[in-house]
Protein backbone atom coordinates (compact mmCIF):
# COMPACT_ATOMS: atom_id res chain seq x y z
CA UNK A 1 0.00 0.00 0.00
CA UNK A 2 1.46 3.34 -1.00
CA UNK A 3 1.92 6.24 1.40
CA UNK A 4 -0.53 8.39 -0.54
CA UNK A 5 -3.29 5.77 -0.34
CA UNK A 6 -2.66 5.20 3.35
CA UNK A 7 -2.84 8.92 4.12
CA UNK A 8 -6.01 9.26 2.01
CA UNK A 9 -7.64 6.41 3.94
CA UNK A 10 -6.58 7.93 7.25
CA UNK A 11 -8.00 11.27 6.15
CA UNK A 12 -11.23 9.58 5.09
CA UNK A 13 -11.63 8.07 8.53
CA UNK A 14 -11.02 11.35 10.30
CA UNK A 15 -13.33 13.16 7.88
CA UNK A 16 -16.12 10.64 8.39
CA UNK A 17 -15.87 11.08 12.16
CA UNK A 18 -15.94 14.87 11.85
CA UNK A 19 -18.83 14.71 9.35
CA UNK A 20 -20.84 12.43 11.63
CA UNK A 21 -20.29 14.82 14.53
CA UNK A 22 -21.40 17.71 12.34
CA UNK A 23 -24.53 15.77 11.31
CA UNK A 24 -25.43 15.02 14.92
CA UNK A 25 -24.91 18.67 15.86
CA UNK A 26 -27.14 19.74 12.97
CA UNK A 27 -29.84 17.29 14.01
CA UNK A 28 -29.75 18.46 17.60
CA UNK A 29 -29.98 22.09 16.44
CA UNK A 30 -32.95 21.45 14.15
CA UNK A 31 -34.67 19.22 16.66
CA UNK A 32 -35.62 15.58 16.43
CA UNK A 33 -39.35 16.26 16.78
CA UNK A 34 -39.50 18.11 13.44
CA UNK A 35 -37.98 15.29 11.40
CA UNK A 36 -38.95 11.80 10.41
CA UNK A 37 -36.48 8.97 11.04
CA UNK A 38 -35.55 8.69 7.36
CA UNK A 39 -34.86 12.43 7.05
CA UNK A 40 -32.59 12.38 10.09
CA UNK A 41 -30.77 9.29 8.83
CA UNK A 42 -30.36 10.88 5.40
CA UNK A 43 -28.96 14.10 6.86
CA UNK A 44 -26.54 12.18 9.06
CA UNK A 45 -25.33 9.94 6.23
CA UNK A 46 -24.88 12.89 3.85
CA UNK A 47 -22.84 14.73 6.46
CA UNK A 48 -20.67 11.65 7.06
CA UNK A 49 -20.18 11.14 3.32
CA UNK A 50 -19.23 14.78 2.81
CA UNK A 51 -16.73 14.56 5.63
CA UNK A 52 -15.32 11.36 4.15
CA UNK A 53 -14.80 12.99 0.75
CA UNK A 54 -13.28 16.13 2.21
CA UNK A 55 -11.00 14.10 4.49
CA UNK A 56 -9.75 11.94 1.63
CA UNK A 57 -9.01 15.06 -0.40
CA UNK A 58 -7.08 16.64 2.45
CA UNK A 59 -5.37 13.35 3.26
CA UNK A 60 -4.27 12.74 -0.32
CA UNK A 61 -2.65 16.16 -0.50
CA UNK A 62 -0.53 15.35 2.52
CA UNK A 63 -2.12 16.83 5.63
CA UNK A 64 -2.26 13.43 7.37
CA UNK A 65 0.98 12.11 5.89
CA UNK A 66 3.77 11.11 8.25
CA UNK A 67 6.83 11.45 6.17
CA UNK A 68 10.43 12.01 7.09
CA UNK A 69 11.86 14.20 4.44
CA UNK A 70 15.56 14.48 3.92
CA UNK A 71 16.54 17.55 2.02
CA UNK A 72 19.85 17.33 0.29
CA UNK A 73 21.47 20.68 -0.23
CA UNK A 74 24.12 20.69 -2.93
CA UNK A 75 27.47 22.07 -1.95
CA UNK A 76 28.14 25.58 -3.12
CA UNK A 77 30.79 25.79 -5.78
CA UNK A 78 32.31 29.23 -5.95
CA UNK A 79 35.05 30.06 -8.41
CA UNK A 80 37.24 32.99 -7.62
CA UNK A 81 39.07 34.25 -10.66
CA UNK A 82 41.73 36.87 -10.46
CA UNK A 83 43.26 38.45 -7.42
CA UNK A 84 42.33 41.81 -6.02
């Protein structure tokens, strides 16, 4: 499994959790007495799916990537011609 896929899956999981929390908060704000069971379930599943998509997008770009980067800096080559 590649690092990009692993970070996208990790981001999807985090996004689904955040989306589900957002859906529950939205349902509690609207009120359960004004909605049927199917409407509440649909709102919750759409929020979780949106969070999953957003999390996979963020994860694939590298926000959830654990990567040790080694930056190689080339040595400076300075030529001095002529004497002052």
